[in-house]
Amino acid sequence: GLPILHSKDLVNWEIVNYALEKQIPEEVFNKPQH
């Protein structure tokens, strides 16, 4: 989760990372929580 996008000009964007590896509490989000 929490994608990190990078840009030099606010127009052209690229996904460079995801900050959140696992959603917590894990016991809750082990099942879909739309």
All heavy atoms as atom14 arrays in JSON, in Angstrom:
{
  "sequence": "GLPILHSKDLVNWEIVNYALEKQIPEEVFNKPQH",
  "atom14_mask": [
    [1, 1, 1, 1, 0, 0, 0, 0, 0, 0, 0, 0, 0, 0],
    [1, 1, 1, 1, 1, 1, 1, 1, 0, 0, 0, 0, 0, 0],
    [1, 1, 1, 1, 1, 1, 1, 0, 0, 0, 0, 0, 0, 0],
    [1, 1, 1, 1, 1, 1, 1, 1, 0, 0, 0, 0, 0, 0],
    [1, 1, 1, 1, 1, 1, 1, 1, 0, 0, 0, 0, 0, 0],
    [1, 1, 1, 1, 1, 1, 1, 1, 1, 1, 0, 0, 0, 0],
    [1, 1, 1, 1, 1, 1, 0, 0, 0, 0, 0, 0, 0, 0],
    [1, 1, 1, 1, 1, 1, 1, 1, 1, 0, 0, 0, 0, 0],
    [1, 1, 1, 1, 1, 1, 1, 1, 0, 0, 0, 0, 0, 0],
    [1, 1, 1, 1, 1, 1, 1, 1, 0, 0, 0, 0, 0, 0],
    [1, 1, 1, 1, 1, 1, 1, 0, 0, 0, 0, 0, 0, 0],
    [1, 1, 1, 1, 1, 1, 1, 1, 0, 0, 0, 0, 0, 0],
    [1, 1, 1, 1, 1, 1, 1, 1, 1, 1, 1, 1, 1, 1],
    [1, 1, 1, 1, 1, 1, 1, 1, 1, 0, 0, 0, 0, 0],
    [1, 1, 1, 1, 1, 1, 1, 1, 0, 0, 0, 0, 0, 0],
    [1, 1, 1, 1, 1, 1, 1, 0, 0, 0, 0, 0, 0, 0],
    [1, 1, 1, 1, 1, 1, 1, 1, 0, 0, 0, 0, 0, 0],
    [1, 1, 1, 1, 1, 1, 1, 1, 1, 1, 1, 1, 0, 0],
    [1, 1, 1, 1, 1, 0, 0, 0, 0, 0, 0, 0, 0, 0],
    [1, 1, 1, 1, 1, 1, 1, 1, 0, 0, 0, 0, 0, 0],
    [1, 1, 1, 1, 1, 1, 1, 1, 1, 0, 0, 0, 0, 0],
    [1, 1, 1, 1, 1, 1, 1, 1, 1, 0, 0, 0, 0, 0],
    [1, 1, 1, 1, 1, 1, 1, 1, 1, 0, 0, 0, 0, 0],
    [1, 1, 1, 1, 1, 1, 1, 1, 0, 0, 0, 0, 0, 0],
    [1, 1, 1, 1, 1, 1, 1, 0, 0, 0, 0, 0, 0, 0],
    [1, 1, 1, 1, 1, 1, 1, 1, 1, 0, 0, 0, 0, 0],
    [1, 1, 1, 1, 1, 1, 1, 1, 1, 0, 0, 0, 0, 0],
    [1, 1, 1, 1, 1, 1, 1, 0, 0, 0, 0, 0, 0, 0],
    [1, 1, 1, 1, 1, 1, 1, 1, 1, 1, 1, 0, 0, 0],
    [1, 1, 1, 1, 1, 1, 1, 1, 0, 0, 0, 0, 0, 0],
    [1, 1, 1, 1, 1, 1, 1, 1, 1, 0, 0, 0, 0, 0],
    [1, 1, 1, 1, 1, 1, 1, 0, 0, 0, 0, 0, 0, 0],
    [1, 1, 1, 1, 1, 1, 1, 1, 1, 0, 0, 0, 0, 0],
    [1, 1, 1, 1, 1, 1, 1, 1, 1, 1, 0, 0, 0, 0]
  ],
  "atom14_positions": [
    [[0.8, -1.22, 0.0], [0.0, 0.0, 0.0], [0.83, 1.26, 0.0], [2.06, 1.22, 0.03], [0.0, 0.0, 0.0], [0.0, 0.0, 0.0], [0.0, 0.0, 0.0], [0.0, 0.0, 0.0], [0.0, 0.0, 0.0], [0.0, 0.0, 0.0], [0.0, 0.0, 0.0], [0.0, 0.0, 0.0], [0.0, 0.0, 0.0], [0.0, 0.0, 0.0]],
    [[0.16, 2.38, -0.01], [0.79, 3.7, -0.04], [1.85, 3.79, -1.15], [3.05, 3.88, -0.89], [1.42, 4.02, 1.32], [0.44, 4.33, 2.44], [1.16, 4.39, 3.77], [-0.29, 5.64, 2.17], [0.0, 0.0, 0.0], [0.0, 0.0, 0.0], [0.0, 0.0, 0.0], [0.0, 0.0, 0.0], [0.0, 0.0, 0.0], [0.0, 0.0, 0.0]],
    [[1.42, 3.78, -2.41], [2.38, 3.93, -3.5], [3.1, 5.27, -3.42], [2.5, 6.28, -3.05], [1.5, 3.84, -4.76], [0.14, 4.22, -4.3], [0.03, 3.72, -2.89], [0.0, 0.0, 0.0], [0.0, 0.0, 0.0], [0.0, 0.0, 0.0], [0.0, 0.0, 0.0], [0.0, 0.0, 0.0], [0.0, 0.0, 0.0], [0.0, 0.0, 0.0]],
    [[4.37, 5.27, -3.75], [5.16, 6.5, -3.81], [5.44, 6.79, -5.28], [6.04, 5.98, -5.99], [6.5, 6.36, -3.05], [6.23, 5.92, -1.6], [7.27, 7.67, -3.09], [5.47, 6.91, -0.77], [0.0, 0.0, 0.0], [0.0, 0.0, 0.0], [0.0, 0.0, 0.0], [0.0, 0.0, 0.0], [0.0, 0.0, 0.0], [0.0, 0.0, 0.0]],
    [[5.01, 7.95, -5.74], [5.25, 8.37, -7.11], [6.24, 9.52, -7.13], [6.24, 10.36, -6.22], [3.95, 8.79, -7.8], [2.94, 7.68, -8.1], [2.07, 7.39, -6.89], [2.05, 8.06, -9.28], [0.0, 0.0, 0.0], [0.0, 0.0, 0.0], [0.0, 0.0, 0.0], [0.0, 0.0, 0.0], [0.0, 0.0, 0.0], [0.0, 0.0, 0.0]],
    [[7.06, 9.57, -8.15], [8.09, 10.61, -8.27], [7.91, 11.36, -9.58], [7.52, 10.8, -10.61], [9.48, 9.99, -8.24], [10.57, 10.96, -8.58], [11.19, 10.98, -9.83], [11.15, 11.96, -7.86], [12.1, 11.94, -9.85], [12.1, 12.55, -8.67], [0.0, 0.0, 0.0], [0.0, 0.0, 0.0], [0.0, 0.0, 0.0], [0.0, 0.0, 0.0]],
    [[8.19, 12.67, -9.54], [8.12, 13.5, -10.74], [9.11, 14.64, -10.63], [9.49, 15.06, -9.53], [6.7, 14.07, -10.91], [6.64, 14.95, -12.01], [0.0, 0.0, 0.0], [0.0, 0.0, 0.0], [0.0, 0.0, 0.0], [0.0, 0.0, 0.0], [0.0, 0.0, 0.0], [0.0, 0.0, 0.0], [0.0, 0.0, 0.0], [0.0, 0.0, 0.0]],
    [[9.53, 15.13, -11.76], [10.38, 16.32, -11.82], [9.59, 17.56, -12.23], [10.07, 18.68, -12.06], [11.52, 16.1, -12.83], [12.63, 15.18, -12.35], [13.51, 15.85, -11.31], [14.73, 15.04, -10.98], [15.61, 15.72, -9.97], [0.0, 0.0, 0.0], [0.0, 0.0, 0.0], [0.0, 0.0, 0.0], [0.0, 0.0, 0.0], [0.0, 0.0, 0.0]],
    [[8.38, 17.36, -12.77], [7.65, 18.49, -13.34], [6.16, 18.51, -13.0], [5.41, 19.32, -13.54], [7.81, 18.5, -14.86], [7.39, 17.17, -15.5], [6.74, 16.35, -14.82], [7.7, 16.97, -16.69], [0.0, 0.0, 0.0], [0.0, 0.0, 0.0], [0.0, 0.0, 0.0], [0.0, 0.0, 0.0], [0.0, 0.0, 0.0], [0.0, 0.0, 0.0]],
    [[5.7, 17.59, -12.13], [4.29, 17.48, -11.74], [3.4, 16.97, -12.85], [2.18, 16.88, -12.68], [3.74, 18.81, -11.21], [4.34, 19.33, -9.91], [3.79, 20.72, -9.57], [4.04, 18.37, -8.75], [0.0, 0.0, 0.0], [0.0, 0.0, 0.0], [0.0, 0.0, 0.0], [0.0, 0.0, 0.0], [0.0, 0.0, 0.0], [0.0, 0.0, 0.0]],
    [[3.96, 16.62, -13.99], [3.19, 16.11, -15.12], [3.51, 14.64, -15.37], [2.62, 13.8, -15.49], [3.45, 16.94, -16.4], [2.74, 16.31, -17.61], [2.98, 18.37, -16.2], [0.0, 0.0, 0.0], [0.0, 0.0, 0.0], [0.0, 0.0, 0.0], [0.0, 0.0, 0.0], [0.0, 0.0, 0.0], [0.0, 0.0, 0.0], [0.0, 0.0, 0.0]],
    [[4.79, 14.33, -15.46], [5.23, 12.96, -15.72], [5.56, 12.27, -14.39], [6.49, 12.69, -13.69], [6.46, 12.98, -16.63], [6.16, 13.59, -17.99], [5.53, 12.97, -18.83], [6.59, 14.84, -18.19], [0.0, 0.0, 0.0], [0.0, 0.0, 0.0], [0.0, 0.0, 0.0], [0.0, 0.0, 0.0], [0.0, 0.0, 0.0], [0.0, 0.0, 0.0]],
    [[4.79, 11.24, -14.08], [4.93, 10.55, -12.8], [5.32, 9.09, -13.0], [4.93, 8.46, -13.98], [3.63, 10.62, -12.01], [3.28, 11.98, -11.52], [2.52, 12.92, -12.17], [3.69, 12.58, -10.3], [2.43, 14.06, -11.42], [3.13, 13.88, -10.26], [4.46, 12.15, -9.22], [3.33, 14.75, -9.19], [4.66, 13.01, -8.15], [4.1, 14.29, -8.14]],
    [[6.07, 8.57, -12.05], [6.5, 7.17, -12.07], [6.4, 6.59, -10.66], [6.8, 7.22, -9.68], [7.95, 7.07, -12.56], [8.5, 5.66, -12.56], [9.98, 5.6, -12.9], [10.62, 6.68, -12.97], [10.49, 4.48, -13.11], [0.0, 0.0, 0.0], [0.0, 0.0, 0.0], [0.0, 0.0, 0.0], [0.0, 0.0, 0.0], [0.0, 0.0, 0.0]],
    [[5.85, 5.39, -10.56], [5.81, 4.7, -9.26], [7.21, 4.19, -8.94], [7.8, 3.44, -9.71], [4.82, 3.52, -9.28], [3.4, 4.02, -9.52], [4.89, 2.75, -7.96], [2.36, 2.91, -9.62], [0.0, 0.0, 0.0], [0.0, 0.0, 0.0], [0.0, 0.0, 0.0], [0.0, 0.0, 0.0], [0.0, 0.0, 0.0], [0.0, 0.0, 0.0]],
    [[7.74, 4.62, -7.79], [9.11, 4.25, -7.43], [9.18, 3.38, -6.18], [10.24, 2.82, -5.88], [9.99, 5.51, -7.23], [10.12, 6.28, -8.53], [9.42, 6.42, -6.13], [0.0, 0.0, 0.0], [0.0, 0.0, 0.0], [0.0, 0.0, 0.0], [0.0, 0.0, 0.0], [0.0, 0.0, 0.0], [0.0, 0.0, 0.0], [0.0, 0.0, 0.0]],
    [[8.07, 3.26, -5.45], [8.12, 2.46, -4.23], [6.71, 2.28, -3.69], [5.76, 2.93, -4.15], [8.99, 3.15, -3.17], [9.49, 2.19, -2.09], [9.18, 1.0, -2.11], [10.26, 2.7, -1.15], [0.0, 0.0, 0.0], [0.0, 0.0, 0.0], [0.0, 0.0, 0.0], [0.0, 0.0, 0.0], [0.0, 0.0, 0.0], [0.0, 0.0, 0.0]],
    [[6.6, 1.41, -2.69], [5.39, 1.27, -1.87], [5.85, 1.36, -0.42], [6.73, 0.62, 0.01], [4.68, -0.05, -2.13], [3.98, -0.11, -3.45], [4.64, -0.53, -4.6], [2.64, 0.28, -3.57], [3.99, -0.58, -5.83], [1.99, 0.24, -4.79], [2.67, -0.19, -5.91], [2.03, -0.23, -7.12], [0.0, 0.0, 0.0], [0.0, 0.0, 0.0]],
    [[5.25, 2.27, 0.32], [5.71, 2.51, 1.69], [5.17, 1.5, 2.69], [5.8, 1.26, 3.73], [5.31, 3.92, 2.12], [0.0, 0.0, 0.0], [0.0, 0.0, 0.0], [0.0, 0.0, 0.0], [0.0, 0.0, 0.0], [0.0, 0.0, 0.0], [0.0, 0.0, 0.0], [0.0, 0.0, 0.0], [0.0, 0.0, 0.0], [0.0, 0.0, 0.0]],
    [[4.03, 0.9, 2.4], [3.37, 0.02, 3.36], [3.42, -1.42, 2.86], [2.76, -1.77, 1.89], [1.92, 0.45, 3.57], [1.11, -0.29, 4.63], [1.72, -0.11, 6.02], [-0.34, 0.18, 4.63], [0.0, 0.0, 0.0], [0.0, 0.0, 0.0], [0.0, 0.0, 0.0], [0.0, 0.0, 0.0], [0.0, 0.0, 0.0], [0.0, 0.0, 0.0]],
    [[4.21, -2.26, 3.54], [4.35, -3.66, 3.13], [3.13, -4.48, 3.51], [2.65, -5.3, 2.72], [5.6, -4.28, 3.75], [6.91, -3.75, 3.19], [8.1, -4.5, 3.74], [7.9, -5.41, 4.6], [9.23, -4.21, 3.32], [0.0, 0.0, 0.0], [0.0, 0.0, 0.0], [0.0, 0.0, 0.0], [0.0, 0.0, 0.0], [0.0, 0.0, 0.0]],
    [[2.65, -4.28, 4.73], [1.51, -5.05, 5.21], [0.51, -4.12, 5.89], [0.88, -3.21, 6.61], [1.95, -6.14, 6.2], [2.76, -7.24, 5.57], [3.08, -8.33, 6.59], [3.87, -9.47, 5.95], [4.17, -10.55, 6.94], [0.0, 0.0, 0.0], [0.0, 0.0, 0.0], [0.0, 0.0, 0.0], [0.0, 0.0, 0.0], [0.0, 0.0, 0.0]],
    [[-0.75, -4.4, 5.65], [-1.82, -3.63, 6.28], [-2.06, -4.18, 7.68], [-2.1, -5.41, 7.88], [-3.1, -3.77, 5.46], [-4.22, -2.88, 5.93], [-4.06, -1.46, 5.44], [-3.5, -1.23, 4.38], [-4.54, -0.51, 6.19], [0.0, 0.0, 0.0], [0.0, 0.0, 0.0], [0.0, 0.0, 0.0], [0.0, 0.0, 0.0], [0.0, 0.0, 0.0]],
    [[-2.16, -3.3, 8.66], [-2.4, -3.75, 10.02], [-3.73, -3.19, 10.53], [-4.19, -2.16, 10.05], [-1.24, -3.35, 10.96], [-1.07, -1.83, 10.99], [0.03, -4.03, 10.56], [-0.1, -1.35, 12.05], [0.0, 0.0, 0.0], [0.0, 0.0, 0.0], [0.0, 0.0, 0.0], [0.0, 0.0, 0.0], [0.0, 0.0, 0.0], [0.0, 0.0, 0.0]],
    [[-4.33, -3.92, 11.5], [-3.94, -5.19, 12.1], [-4.03, -6.34, 11.08], [-5.04, -6.45, 10.37], [-4.95, -5.38, 13.23], [-5.6, -4.04, 13.43], [-5.56, -3.37, 12.11], [0.0, 0.0, 0.0], [0.0, 0.0, 0.0], [0.0, 0.0, 0.0], [0.0, 0.0, 0.0], [0.0, 0.0, 0.0], [0.0, 0.0, 0.0], [0.0, 0.0, 0.0]],
    [[-3.0, -7.17, 11.02], [-2.94, -8.23, 10.02], [-4.09, -9.21, 10.15], [-4.62, -9.71, 9.15], [-1.61, -8.97, 10.12], [-0.42, -8.17, 9.63], [0.84, -9.0, 9.56], [0.77, -10.15, 9.05], [1.89, -8.53, 10.02], [0.0, 0.0, 0.0], [0.0, 0.0, 0.0], [0.0, 0.0, 0.0], [0.0, 0.0, 0.0], [0.0, 0.0, 0.0]],
    [[-4.51, -9.49, 11.39], [-5.59, -10.46, 11.58], [-6.9, -9.96, 10.99], [-7.79, -10.75, 10.65], [-5.77, -10.81, 13.06], [-6.16, -9.63, 13.95], [-4.97, -8.85, 14.49], [-3.88, -9.0, 13.93], [-5.17, -8.11, 15.47], [0.0, 0.0, 0.0], [0.0, 0.0, 0.0], [0.0, 0.0, 0.0], [0.0, 0.0, 0.0], [0.0, 0.0, 0.0]],
    [[-7.03, -8.65, 10.88], [-8.23, -8.06, 10.26], [-8.11, -8.05, 8.74], [-9.01, -8.47, 8.02], [-8.47, -6.62, 10.77], [-9.62, -5.96, 10.01], [-8.76, -6.64, 12.26], [0.0, 0.0, 0.0], [0.0, 0.0, 0.0], [0.0, 0.0, 0.0], [0.0, 0.0, 0.0], [0.0, 0.0, 0.0], [0.0, 0.0, 0.0], [0.0, 0.0, 0.0]],
    [[-6.96, -7.6, 8.24], [-6.8, -7.41, 6.81], [-6.29, -8.65, 6.08], [-6.01, -8.59, 4.88], [-5.87, -6.22, 6.55], [-6.53, -4.91, 6.85], [-6.36, -4.29, 8.09], [-7.36, -4.3, 5.92], [-6.98, -3.08, 8.37], [-7.98, -3.09, 6.18], [-7.8, -2.49, 7.42], [0.0, 0.0, 0.0], [0.0, 0.0, 0.0], [0.0, 0.0, 0.0]],
    [[-6.21, -9.78, 6.78], [-5.95, -11.04, 6.1], [-7.13, -11.42, 5.21], [-7.0, -12.26, 4.31], [-5.66, -12.16, 7.1], [-4.23, -12.12, 7.6], [-3.35, -11.56, 6.94], [-3.99, -12.69, 8.77], [0.0, 0.0, 0.0], [0.0, 0.0, 0.0], [0.0, 0.0, 0.0], [0.0, 0.0, 0.0], [0.0, 0.0, 0.0], [0.0, 0.0, 0.0]],
    [[-8.28, -10.84, 5.5], [-9.46, -10.99, 4.65], [-9.74, -9.65, 3.97], [-9.47, -8.6, 4.55], [-10.66, -11.42, 5.48], [-10.53, -12.79, 6.13], [-11.78, -13.14, 6.92], [-11.66, -14.53, 7.55], [-12.89, -14.88, 8.33], [0.0, 0.0, 0.0], [0.0, 0.0, 0.0], [0.0, 0.0, 0.0], [0.0, 0.0, 0.0], [0.0, 0.0, 0.0]],
    [[-10.27, -9.65, 2.75], [-10.56, -8.38, 2.06], [-11.47, -7.48, 2.89], [-12.46, -7.93, 3.46], [-11.26, -8.84, 0.77], [-10.76, -10.23, 0.54], [-10.59, -10.82, 1.9], [0.0, 0.0, 0.0], [0.0, 0.0, 0.0], [0.0, 0.0, 0.0], [0.0, 0.0, 0.0], [0.0, 0.0, 0.0], [0.0, 0.0, 0.0], [0.0, 0.0, 0.0]],
    [[-11.09, -6.21, 2.98], [-11.86, -5.22, 3.72], [-12.09, -4.03, 2.78], [-11.46, -2.98, 2.92], [-11.1, -4.78, 4.98], [-10.77, -5.9, 5.95], [-11.99, -6.43, 6.66], [-13.0, -5.74, 6.82], [-11.93, -7.68, 7.09], [0.0, 0.0, 0.0], [0.0, 0.0, 0.0], [0.0, 0.0, 0.0], [0.0, 0.0, 0.0], [0.0, 0.0, 0.0]],
    [[-12.95, -4.21, 1.83], [-13.14, -3.21, 0.78], [-13.53, -1.86, 1.36], [-14.38, -1.76, 2.24], [-14.2, -3.7, -0.21], [-13.84, -4.98, -0.89], [-12.74, -5.1, -1.7], [-14.42, -6.21, -0.85], [-12.66, -6.34, -2.15], [-13.65, -7.03, -1.64], [0.0, 0.0, 0.0], [0.0, 0.0, 0.0], [0.0, 0.0, 0.0], [0.0, 0.0, 0.0]]
  ]
}
